[in-house]
mmCIF file of all heavy atoms, coordinates in Angstrom:
data_MODEL
# 
_entry.id   MODEL 
# 
loop_
_atom_site.group_PDB 
_atom_site.id 
_atom_site.type_symbol 
_atom_site.label_atom_id 
_atom_site.label_alt_id 
_atom_site.label_comp_id 
_atom_site.label_asym_id 
_atom_site.label_entity_id 
_atom_site.label_seq_id 
_atom_site.pdbx_PDB_ins_code 
_atom_site.Cartn_x 
_atom_site.Cartn_y 
_atom_site.Cartn_z 
_atom_site.occupancy 
_atom_site.B_iso_or_equiv 
_atom_site.pdbx_formal_charge 
_atom_site.auth_seq_id 
_atom_site.auth_comp_id 
_atom_site.auth_asym_id 
_atom_site.auth_atom_id 
_atom_site.pdbx_PDB_model_num 
ATOM 1   N N   . LEU A 1 1  ? 95.109  108.193 89.388  1.00 0.00 ? 1  LEU A N   1 
ATOM 2   C CA  . LEU A 1 1  ? 94.838  108.687 88.041  1.00 0.00 ? 1  LEU A CA  1 
ATOM 3   C C   . LEU A 1 1  ? 95.984  109.543 87.507  1.00 0.00 ? 1  LEU A C   1 
ATOM 4   O O   . LEU A 1 1  ? 96.270  109.540 86.314  1.00 0.00 ? 1  LEU A O   1 
ATOM 5   C CB  . LEU A 1 1  ? 93.526  109.481 88.041  1.00 0.00 ? 1  LEU A CB  1 
ATOM 6   C CG  . LEU A 1 1  ? 92.273  108.642 88.337  1.00 0.00 ? 1  LEU A CG  1 
ATOM 7   C CD1 . LEU A 1 1  ? 91.080  109.549 88.645  1.00 0.00 ? 1  LEU A CD1 1 
ATOM 8   C CD2 . LEU A 1 1  ? 91.951  107.710 87.167  1.00 0.00 ? 1  LEU A CD2 1 
ATOM 9   N N   . GLN A 1 2  ? 96.654  110.258 88.396  1.00 0.00 ? 2  GLN A N   1 
ATOM 10  C CA  . GLN A 1 2  ? 97.793  111.063 87.977  1.00 0.00 ? 2  GLN A CA  1 
ATOM 11  C C   . GLN A 1 2  ? 98.998  110.204 87.621  1.00 0.00 ? 2  GLN A C   1 
ATOM 12  O O   . GLN A 1 2  ? 99.807  110.576 86.767  1.00 0.00 ? 2  GLN A O   1 
ATOM 13  C CB  . GLN A 1 2  ? 98.163  112.043 89.094  1.00 0.00 ? 2  GLN A CB  1 
ATOM 14  C CG  . GLN A 1 2  ? 97.148  113.160 89.301  1.00 0.00 ? 2  GLN A CG  1 
ATOM 15  C CD  . GLN A 1 2  ? 97.418  113.981 90.542  1.00 0.00 ? 2  GLN A CD  1 
ATOM 16  O OE1 . GLN A 1 2  ? 98.573  114.118 90.964  1.00 0.00 ? 2  GLN A OE1 1 
ATOM 17  N NE2 . GLN A 1 2  ? 96.382  114.524 91.164  1.00 0.00 ? 2  GLN A NE2 1 
ATOM 18  N N   . GLN A 1 3  ? 99.126  109.060 88.252  1.00 0.00 ? 3  GLN A N   1 
ATOM 19  C CA  . GLN A 1 3  ? 100.278 108.183 88.008  1.00 0.00 ? 3  GLN A CA  1 
ATOM 20  C C   . GLN A 1 3  ? 100.117 107.367 86.726  1.00 0.00 ? 3  GLN A C   1 
ATOM 21  O O   . GLN A 1 3  ? 101.114 106.998 86.096  1.00 0.00 ? 3  GLN A O   1 
ATOM 22  C CB  . GLN A 1 3  ? 100.453 107.221 89.195  1.00 0.00 ? 3  GLN A CB  1 
ATOM 23  C CG  . GLN A 1 3  ? 100.959 107.873 90.466  1.00 0.00 ? 3  GLN A CG  1 
ATOM 24  C CD  . GLN A 1 3  ? 102.460 108.115 90.418  1.00 0.00 ? 3  GLN A CD  1 
ATOM 25  O OE1 . GLN A 1 3  ? 103.176 107.522 89.638  1.00 0.00 ? 3  GLN A OE1 1 
ATOM 26  N NE2 . GLN A 1 3  ? 102.927 109.015 91.275  1.00 0.00 ? 3  GLN A NE2 1 
ATOM 27  N N   . ALA A 1 4  ? 98.890  107.092 86.321  1.00 0.00 ? 4  ALA A N   1 
ATOM 28  C CA  . ALA A 1 4  ? 98.669  106.254 85.139  1.00 0.00 ? 4  ALA A CA  1 
ATOM 29  C C   . ALA A 1 4  ? 99.111  106.992 83.875  1.00 0.00 ? 4  ALA A C   1 
ATOM 30  O O   . ALA A 1 4  ? 98.867  108.187 83.717  1.00 0.00 ? 4  ALA A O   1 
ATOM 31  C CB  . ALA A 1 4  ? 97.203  105.867 85.036  1.00 0.00 ? 4  ALA A CB  1 
ATOM 32  N N   . SER A 1 5  ? 99.743  106.271 82.972  1.00 0.00 ? 5  SER A N   1 
ATOM 33  C CA  . SER A 1 5  ? 100.234 106.878 81.733  1.00 0.00 ? 5  SER A CA  1 
ATOM 34  C C   . SER A 1 5  ? 99.145  106.974 80.672  1.00 0.00 ? 5  SER A C   1 
ATOM 35  O O   . SER A 1 5  ? 99.151  107.890 79.849  1.00 0.00 ? 5  SER A O   1 
ATOM 36  C CB  . SER A 1 5  ? 101.403 106.054 81.175  1.00 0.00 ? 5  SER A CB  1 
ATOM 37  O OG  . SER A 1 5  ? 102.474 106.012 82.098  1.00 0.00 ? 5  SER A OG  1 
ATOM 38  N N   . TYR A 1 6  ? 98.223  106.021 80.667  1.00 0.00 ? 6  TYR A N   1 
ATOM 39  C CA  . TYR A 1 6  ? 97.132  106.016 79.699  1.00 0.00 ? 6  TYR A CA  1 
ATOM 40  C C   . TYR A 1 6  ? 95.923  106.760 80.275  1.00 0.00 ? 6  TYR A C   1 
ATOM 41  O O   . TYR A 1 6  ? 95.745  106.836 81.491  1.00 0.00 ? 6  TYR A O   1 
ATOM 42  C CB  . TYR A 1 6  ? 96.694  104.581 79.381  1.00 0.00 ? 6  TYR A CB  1 
ATOM 43  C CG  . TYR A 1 6  ? 97.621  103.828 78.467  1.00 0.00 ? 6  TYR A CG  1 
ATOM 44  C CD1 . TYR A 1 6  ? 98.622  103.016 78.986  1.00 0.00 ? 6  TYR A CD1 1 
ATOM 45  C CD2 . TYR A 1 6  ? 97.493  103.907 77.080  1.00 0.00 ? 6  TYR A CD2 1 
ATOM 46  C CE1 . TYR A 1 6  ? 99.485  102.303 78.153  1.00 0.00 ? 6  TYR A CE1 1 
ATOM 47  C CE2 . TYR A 1 6  ? 98.341  103.191 76.244  1.00 0.00 ? 6  TYR A CE2 1 
ATOM 48  C CZ  . TYR A 1 6  ? 99.329  102.393 76.779  1.00 0.00 ? 6  TYR A CZ  1 
ATOM 49  O OH  . TYR A 1 6  ? 100.165 101.694 75.954  1.00 0.00 ? 6  TYR A OH  1 
ATOM 50  N N   . PRO A 1 7  ? 95.059  107.297 79.409  1.00 0.00 ? 7  PRO A N   1 
ATOM 51  C CA  . PRO A 1 7  ? 93.762  107.766 79.891  1.00 0.00 ? 7  PRO A CA  1 
ATOM 52  C C   . PRO A 1 7  ? 93.024  106.604 80.554  1.00 0.00 ? 7  PRO A C   1 
ATOM 53  O O   . PRO A 1 7  ? 93.159  105.448 80.126  1.00 0.00 ? 7  PRO A O   1 
ATOM 54  C CB  . PRO A 1 7  ? 93.049  108.221 78.619  1.00 0.00 ? 7  PRO A CB  1 
ATOM 55  C CG  . PRO A 1 7  ? 94.141  108.481 77.634  1.00 0.00 ? 7  PRO A CG  1 
ATOM 56  C CD  . PRO A 1 7  ? 95.225  107.500 77.962  1.00 0.00 ? 7  PRO A CD  1 
ATOM 57  N N   . VAL A 1 8  ? 92.260  106.897 81.596  1.00 0.00 ? 8  VAL A N   1 
ATOM 58  C CA  . VAL A 1 8  ? 91.614  105.850 82.393  1.00 0.00 ? 8  VAL A CA  1 
ATOM 59  C C   . VAL A 1 8  ? 90.104  106.055 82.411  1.00 0.00 ? 8  VAL A C   1 
ATOM 60  O O   . VAL A 1 8  ? 89.620  107.154 82.656  1.00 0.00 ? 8  VAL A O   1 
ATOM 61  C CB  . VAL A 1 8  ? 92.154  105.870 83.839  1.00 0.00 ? 8  VAL A CB  1 
ATOM 62  C CG1 . VAL A 1 8  ? 91.356  104.922 84.738  1.00 0.00 ? 8  VAL A CG1 1 
ATOM 63  C CG2 . VAL A 1 8  ? 93.633  105.500 83.860  1.00 0.00 ? 8  VAL A CG2 1 
ATOM 64  N N   . VAL A 1 9  ? 89.380  104.966 82.150  1.00 0.00 ? 9  VAL A N   1 
ATOM 65  C CA  . VAL A 1 9  ? 87.936  104.949 82.376  1.00 0.00 ? 9  VAL A CA  1 
ATOM 66  C C   . VAL A 1 9  ? 87.696  104.177 83.669  1.00 0.00 ? 9  VAL A C   1 
ATOM 67  O O   . VAL A 1 9  ? 88.539  103.374 84.085  1.00 0.00 ? 9  VAL A O   1 
ATOM 68  C CB  . VAL A 1 9  ? 87.161  104.310 81.211  1.00 0.00 ? 9  VAL A CB  1 
ATOM 69  C CG1 . VAL A 1 9  ? 87.446  105.046 79.914  1.00 0.00 ? 9  VAL A CG1 1 
ATOM 70  C CG2 . VAL A 1 9  ? 87.492  102.825 81.064  1.00 0.00 ? 9  VAL A CG2 1 
ATOM 71  N N   . ALA A 1 10 ? 86.557  104.425 84.304  1.00 0.00 ? 10 ALA A N   1 
ATOM 72  C CA  . ALA A 1 10 ? 86.344  103.784 85.602  1.00 0.00 ? 10 ALA A CA  1 
ATOM 73  C C   . ALA A 1 10 ? 84.859  103.672 85.930  1.00 0.00 ? 10 ALA A C   1 
ATOM 74  O O   . ALA A 1 10 ? 84.316  104.473 86.698  1.00 0.00 ? 10 ALA A O   1 
ATOM 75  C CB  . ALA A 1 10 ? 87.069  104.550 86.712  1.00 0.00 ? 10 ALA A CB  1 
ATOM 76  N N   . PRO A 1 11 ? 84.168  102.669 85.360  1.00 0.00 ? 11 PRO A N   1 
ATOM 77  C CA  . PRO A 1 11 ? 82.790  102.441 85.765  1.00 0.00 ? 11 PRO A CA  1 
ATOM 78  C C   . PRO A 1 11 ? 82.747  101.919 87.201  1.00 0.00 ? 11 PRO A C   1 
ATOM 79  O O   . PRO A 1 11 ? 83.773  101.545 87.767  1.00 0.00 ? 11 PRO A O   1 
ATOM 80  C CB  . PRO A 1 11 ? 82.314  101.374 84.773  1.00 0.00 ? 11 PRO A CB  1 
ATOM 81  C CG  . PRO A 1 11 ? 83.568  100.641 84.404  1.00 0.00 ? 11 PRO A CG  1 
ATOM 82  C CD  . PRO A 1 11 ? 84.655  101.684 84.395  1.00 0.00 ? 11 PRO A CD  1 
ATOM 83  N N   . SER A 1 12 ? 81.584  101.922 87.791  1.00 0.00 ? 12 SER A N   1 
ATOM 84  C CA  . SER A 1 12 ? 81.454  101.476 89.178  1.00 0.00 ? 12 SER A CA  1 
ATOM 85  C C   . SER A 1 12 ? 81.876  100.022 89.334  1.00 0.00 ? 12 SER A C   1 
ATOM 86  O O   . SER A 1 12 ? 81.723  99.199  88.418  1.00 0.00 ? 12 SER A O   1 
ATOM 87  C CB  . SER A 1 12 ? 80.021  101.671 89.662  1.00 0.00 ? 12 SER A CB  1 
ATOM 88  O OG  . SER A 1 12 ? 79.108  100.997 88.801  1.00 0.00 ? 12 SER A OG  1 
ATOM 89  N N   . ALA A 1 13 ? 82.417  99.697  90.505  1.00 0.00 ? 13 ALA A N   1 
ATOM 90  C CA  . ALA A 1 13 ? 82.982  98.364  90.764  1.00 0.00 ? 13 ALA A CA  1 
ATOM 91  C C   . ALA A 1 13 ? 81.889  97.396  91.198  1.00 0.00 ? 13 ALA A C   1 
ATOM 92  O O   . ALA A 1 13 ? 81.765  97.028  92.365  1.00 0.00 ? 13 ALA A O   1 
ATOM 93  C CB  . ALA A 1 13 ? 84.071  98.458  91.828  1.00 0.00 ? 13 ALA A CB  1 
ATOM 94  N N   . ASN A 1 14 ? 81.101  96.988  90.225  1.00 0.00 ? 14 ASN A N   1 
ATOM 95  C CA  . ASN A 1 14 ? 80.032  96.019  90.464  1.00 0.00 ? 14 ASN A CA  1 
ATOM 96  C C   . ASN A 1 14 ? 79.645  95.396  89.132  1.00 0.00 ? 14 ASN A C   1 
ATOM 97  O O   . ASN A 1 14 ? 79.955  95.940  88.062  1.00 0.00 ? 14 ASN A O   1 
ATOM 98  C CB  . ASN A 1 14 ? 78.811  96.701  91.091  1.00 0.00 ? 14 ASN A CB  1 
ATOM 99  C CG  . ASN A 1 14 ? 78.255  97.804  90.202  1.00 0.00 ? 14 ASN A CG  1 
ATOM 100 O OD1 . ASN A 1 14 ? 78.832  98.885  90.113  1.00 0.00 ? 14 ASN A OD1 1 
ATOM 101 N ND2 . ASN A 1 14 ? 77.150  97.522  89.519  1.00 0.00 ? 14 ASN A ND2 1 
ATOM 102 N N   . LEU A 1 15 ? 78.987  94.272  89.190  1.00 0.00 ? 15 LEU A N   1 
ATOM 103 C CA  . LEU A 1 15 ? 78.452  93.677  87.974  1.00 0.00 ? 15 LEU A CA  1 
ATOM 104 C C   . LEU A 1 15 ? 77.208  94.447  87.563  1.00 0.00 ? 15 LEU A C   1 
ATOM 105 O O   . LEU A 1 15 ? 76.480  94.982  88.403  1.00 0.00 ? 15 LEU A O   1 
ATOM 106 C CB  . LEU A 1 15 ? 78.110  92.201  88.218  1.00 0.00 ? 15 LEU A CB  1 
ATOM 107 C CG  . LEU A 1 15 ? 79.285  91.326  88.669  1.00 0.00 ? 15 LEU A CG  1 
ATOM 108 C CD1 . LEU A 1 15 ? 78.813  89.881  88.898  1.00 0.00 ? 15 LEU A CD1 1 
ATOM 109 C CD2 . LEU A 1 15 ? 80.416  91.363  87.644  1.00 0.00 ? 15 LEU A CD2 1 
ATOM 110 N N   . THR A 1 16 ? 76.971  94.525  86.254  1.00 0.00 ? 16 THR A N   1 
ATOM 111 C CA  . THR A 1 16 ? 75.820  95.267  85.755  1.00 0.00 ? 16 THR A CA  1 
ATOM 112 C C   . THR A 1 16 ? 74.532  94.740  86.382  1.00 0.00 ? 16 THR A C   1 
ATOM 113 O O   . THR A 1 16 ? 74.298  93.534  86.455  1.00 0.00 ? 16 THR A O   1 
ATOM 114 C CB  . THR A 1 16 ? 75.742  95.152  84.226  1.00 0.00 ? 16 THR A CB  1 
ATOM 115 O OG1 . THR A 1 16 ? 76.913  95.754  83.664  1.00 0.00 ? 16 THR A OG1 1 
ATOM 116 C CG2 . THR A 1 16 ? 74.515  95.872  83.682  1.00 0.00 ? 16 THR A CG2 1 
ATOM 117 N N   . GLY A 1 17 ? 73.717  95.677  86.872  1.00 0.00 ? 17 GLY A N   1 
ATOM 118 C CA  . GLY A 1 17 ? 72.461  95.297  87.501  1.00 0.00 ? 17 GLY A CA  1 
ATOM 119 C C   . GLY A 1 17 ? 72.540  95.211  89.009  1.00 0.00 ? 17 GLY A C   1 
ATOM 120 O O   . GLY A 1 17 ? 71.506  95.170  89.687  1.00 0.00 ? 17 GLY A O   1 
ATOM 121 N N   . LYS A 1 18 ? 73.746  95.169  89.548  1.00 0.00 ? 18 LYS A N   1 
ATOM 122 C CA  . LYS A 1 18 ? 73.912  95.114  90.994  1.00 0.00 ? 18 LYS A CA  1 
ATOM 123 C C   . LYS A 1 18 ? 74.233  96.500  91.547  1.00 0.00 ? 18 LYS A C   1 
ATOM 124 O O   . LYS A 1 18 ? 74.625  97.409  90.829  1.00 0.00 ? 18 LYS A O   1 
ATOM 125 C CB  . LYS A 1 18 ? 75.019  94.129  91.367  1.00 0.00 ? 18 LYS A CB  1 
ATOM 126 C CG  . LYS A 1 18 ? 74.672  92.680  91.054  1.00 0.00 ? 18 LYS A CG  1 
ATOM 127 C CD  . LYS A 1 18 ? 75.595  91.722  91.787  1.00 0.00 ? 18 LYS A CD  1 
ATOM 128 C CE  . LYS A 1 18 ? 75.147  90.283  91.596  1.00 0.00 ? 18 LYS A CE  1 
ATOM 129 N NZ  . LYS A 1 18 ? 75.984  89.343  92.391  1.00 0.00 ? 18 LYS A NZ  1 
ATOM 130 N N   . VAL A 1 19 ? 74.069  96.666  92.853  1.00 0.00 ? 19 VAL A N   1 
ATOM 131 C CA  . VAL A 1 19 ? 74.294  97.945  93.504  1.00 0.00 ? 19 VAL A CA  1 
ATOM 132 C C   . VAL A 1 19 ? 75.789  98.264  93.499  1.00 0.00 ? 19 VAL A C   1 
ATOM 133 O O   . VAL A 1 19 ? 76.615  97.396  93.801  1.00 0.00 ? 19 VAL A O   1 
ATOM 134 C CB  . VAL A 1 19 ? 73.760  97.915  94.957  1.00 0.00 ? 19 VAL A CB  1 
ATOM 135 C CG1 . VAL A 1 19 ? 74.076  99.232  95.665  1.00 0.00 ? 19 VAL A CG1 1 
ATOM 136 C CG2 . VAL A 1 19 ? 72.257  97.646  94.964  1.00 0.00 ? 19 VAL A CG2 1 
ATOM 137 N N   . PRO A 1 20 ? 76.187  99.515  93.143  1.00 0.00 ? 20 PRO A N   1 
ATOM 138 C CA  . PRO A 1 20 ? 77.614  99.884  93.165  1.00 0.00 ? 20 PRO A CA  1 
ATOM 139 C C   . PRO A 1 20 ? 78.232  99.688  94.547  1.00 0.00 ? 20 PRO A C   1 
ATOM 140 O O   . PRO A 1 20 ? 77.593  99.961  95.567  1.00 0.00 ? 20 PRO A O   1 
ATOM 141 C CB  . PRO A 1 20 ? 77.593  101.362 92.768  1.00 0.00 ? 20 PRO A CB  1 
ATOM 142 C CG  . PRO A 1 20 ? 76.341  101.525 91.972  1.00 0.00 ? 20 PRO A CG  1 
ATOM 143 C CD  . PRO A 1 20 ? 75.348  100.604 92.612  1.00 0.00 ? 20 PRO A CD  1 
ATOM 144 N N   . ALA A 1 21 ? 79.464  99.223  94.573  1.00 0.00 ? 21 ALA A N   1 
ATOM 145 C CA  . ALA A 1 21 ? 80.171  98.962  95.834  1.00 0.00 ? 21 ALA A CA  1 
ATOM 146 C C   . ALA A 1 21 ? 80.586  100.275 96.489  1.00 0.00 ? 21 ALA A C   1 
ATOM 147 O O   . ALA A 1 21 ? 81.084  101.185 95.827  1.00 0.00 ? 21 ALA A O   1 
ATOM 148 C CB  . ALA A 1 21 ? 81.395  98.101  95.575  1.00 0.00 ? 21 ALA A CB  1 
ATOM 149 N N   . ILE A 1 22 ? 80.409  100.354 97.811  1.00 0.00 ? 22 ILE A N   1 
ATOM 150 C CA  . ILE A 1 22 ? 80.811  101.551 98.550  1.00 0.00 ? 22 ILE A CA  1 
ATOM 151 C C   . ILE A 1 22 ? 81.932  101.254 99.546  1.00 0.00 ? 22 ILE A C   1 
ATOM 152 O O   . ILE A 1 22 ? 82.361  102.132 100.287 1.00 0.00 ? 22 ILE A O   1 
ATOM 153 C CB  . ILE A 1 22 ? 79.606  102.190 99.273  1.00 0.00 ? 22 ILE A CB  1 
ATOM 154 C CG1 . ILE A 1 22 ? 79.004  101.207 100.279 1.00 0.00 ? 22 ILE A CG1 1 
ATOM 155 C CG2 . ILE A 1 22 ? 78.570  102.666 98.268  1.00 0.00 ? 22 ILE A CG2 1 
ATOM 156 C CD1 . ILE A 1 22 ? 77.934  101.823 101.162 1.00 0.00 ? 22 ILE A CD1 1 
ATOM 157 N N   . ASN A 1 23 ? 82.433  99.992  99.559  1.00 0.00 ? 23 ASN A N   1 
ATOM 158 C CA  . ASN A 1 23 ? 83.591  99.642  100.390 1.00 0.00 ? 23 ASN A CA  1 
ATOM 159 C C   . ASN A 1 23 ? 84.290  98.434  99.767  1.00 0.00 ? 23 ASN A C   1 
ATOM 160 O O   . ASN A 1 23 ? 83.773  97.810  98.825  1.00 0.00 ? 23 ASN A O   1 
ATOM 161 C CB  . ASN A 1 23 ? 83.179  99.358  101.846 1.00 0.00 ? 23 ASN A CB  1 
ATOM 162 C CG  . ASN A 1 23 ? 82.126  98.275  101.951 1.00 0.00 ? 23 ASN A CG  1 
ATOM 163 O OD1 . ASN A 1 23 ? 82.259  97.200  101.354 1.00 0.00 ? 23 ASN A OD1 1 
ATOM 164 N ND2 . ASN A 1 23 ? 81.061  98.535  102.710 1.00 0.00 ? 23 ASN A ND2 1 
ATOM 165 N N   . GLY A 1 24 ? 85.453  98.106  100.296 1.00 0.00 ? 24 GLY A N   1 
ATOM 166 C CA  . GLY A 1 24 ? 86.254  97.031  99.730  1.00 0.00 ? 24 GLY A CA  1 
ATOM 167 C C   . GLY A 1 24 ? 85.579  95.671  99.793  1.00 0.00 ? 24 GLY A C   1 
ATOM 168 O O   . GLY A 1 24 ? 85.690  94.862  98.865  1.00 0.00 ? 24 GLY A O   1 
ATOM 169 N N   . GLU A 1 25 ? 84.867  95.407  100.870 1.00 0.00 ? 25 GLU A N   1 
ATOM 170 C CA  . GLU A 1 25 ? 84.199  94.114  101.025 1.00 0.00 ? 25 GLU A CA  1 
ATOM 171 C C   . GLU A 1 25 ? 83.159  93.885  99.924  1.00 0.00 ? 25 GLU A C   1 
ATOM 172 O O   . GLU A 1 25 ? 83.037  92.782  99.382  1.00 0.00 ? 25 GLU A O   1 
ATOM 173 C CB  . GLU A 1 25 ? 83.525  94.021  102.399 1.00 0.00 ? 25 GLU A CB  1 
ATOM 174 C CG  . GLU A 1 25 ? 84.484  93.935  103.577 1.00 0.00 ? 25 GLU A CG  1 
ATOM 175 C CD  . GLU A 1 25 ? 85.139  95.266  103.913 1.00 0.00 ? 25 GLU A CD  1 
ATOM 176 O OE1 . GLU A 1 25 ? 84.666  96.316  103.418 1.00 0.00 ? 25 GLU A OE1 1 
ATOM 177 O OE2 . GLU A 1 25 ? 86.142  95.257  104.655 1.00 0.00 ? 25 GLU A OE2 1 
ATOM 178 N N   . GLN A 1 26 ? 82.419  94.928  99.576  1.00 0.00 ? 26 GLN A N   1 
ATOM 179 C CA  . GLN A 1 26 ? 81.419  94.795  98.519  1.00 0.00 ? 26 GLN A CA  1 
ATOM 180 C C   . GLN A 1 26 ? 82.059  94.604  97.152  1.00 0.00 ? 26 GLN A C   1 
ATOM 181 O O   . GLN A 1 26 ? 81.526  93.888  96.302  1.00 0.00 ? 26 GLN A O   1 
ATOM 182 C CB  . GLN A 1 26 ? 80.495  96.014  98.516  1.00 0.00 ? 26 GLN A CB  1 
ATOM 183 C CG  . GLN A 1 26 ? 79.596  96.106  99.742  1.00 0.00 ? 26 GLN A CG  1 
ATOM 184 C CD  . GLN A 1 26 ? 78.694  97.323  99.714  1.00 0.00 ? 26 GLN A CD  1 
ATOM 185 O OE1 . GLN A 1 26 ? 78.647  98.073  98.735  1.00 0.00 ? 26 GLN A OE1 1 
ATOM 186 N NE2 . GLN A 1 26 ? 77.962  97.542  100.805 1.00 0.00 ? 26 GLN A NE2 1 
ATOM 187 N N   . VAL A 1 27 ? 83.214  95.221  96.943  1.00 0.00 ? 27 VAL A N   1 
ATOM 188 C CA  . VAL A 1 27 ? 83.940  94.997  95.694  1.00 0.00 ? 27 VAL A CA  1 
ATOM 189 C C   . VAL A 1 27 ? 84.309  93.529  95.558  1.00 0.00 ? 27 VAL A C   1 
ATOM 190 O O   . VAL A 1 27 ? 84.082  92.891  94.519  1.00 0.00 ? 27 VAL A O   1 
ATOM 191 C CB  . VAL A 1 27 ? 85.217  95.863  95.628  1.00 0.00 ? 27 VAL A CB  1 
ATOM 192 C CG1 . VAL A 1 27 ? 86.048  95.487  94.389  1.00 0.00 ? 27 VAL A CG1 1 
ATOM 193 C CG2 . VAL A 1 27 ? 84.874  97.343  95.593  1.00 0.00 ? 27 VAL A CG2 1 
ATOM 194 N N   . LEU A 1 28 ? 84.873  92.952  96.615  1.00 0.00 ? 28 LEU A N   1 
ATOM 195 C CA  . LEU A 1 28 ? 85.294  91.549  96.580  1.00 0.00 ? 28 LEU A CA  1 
ATOM 196 C C   . LEU A 1 28 ? 84.118  90.601  96.402  1.00 0.00 ? 28 LEU A C   1 
ATOM 197 O O   . LEU A 1 28 ? 84.244  89.554  95.758  1.00 0.00 ? 28 LEU A O   1 
ATOM 198 C CB  . LEU A 1 28 ? 86.052  91.207  97.867  1.00 0.00 ? 28 LEU A CB  1 
ATOM 199 C CG  . LEU A 1 28 ? 87.426  91.879  98.036  1.00 0.00 ? 28 LEU A CG  1 
ATOM 200 C CD1 . LEU A 1 28 ? 88.044  91.486  99.365  1.00 0.00 ? 28 LEU A CD1 1 
ATOM 201 C CD2 . LEU A 1 28 ? 88.347  91.503  96.878  1.00 0.00 ? 28 LEU A CD2 1 
ATOM 202 N N   . ALA A 1 29 ? 82.975  90.953  96.961  1.00 0.00 ? 29 ALA A N   1 
ATOM 203 C CA  . ALA A 1 29 ? 81.802  90.089  96.844  1.00 0.00 ? 29 ALA A CA  1 
ATOM 204 C C   . ALA A 1 29 ? 81.407  89.885  95.386  1.00 0.00 ? 29 ALA A C   1 
ATOM 205 O O   . ALA A 1 29 ? 80.950  88.809  95.002  1.00 0.00 ? 29 ALA A O   1 
ATOM 206 C CB  . ALA A 1 29 ? 80.636  90.697  97.628  1.00 0.00 ? 29 ALA A CB  1 
# 
């Protein structure tokens, strides 16, 4: 976040309605 030049938003890494990912494998799924 410090390196990015633009302001950053960051919703949870999951499709809406699914459980938020807590590790890399769940993100990829």
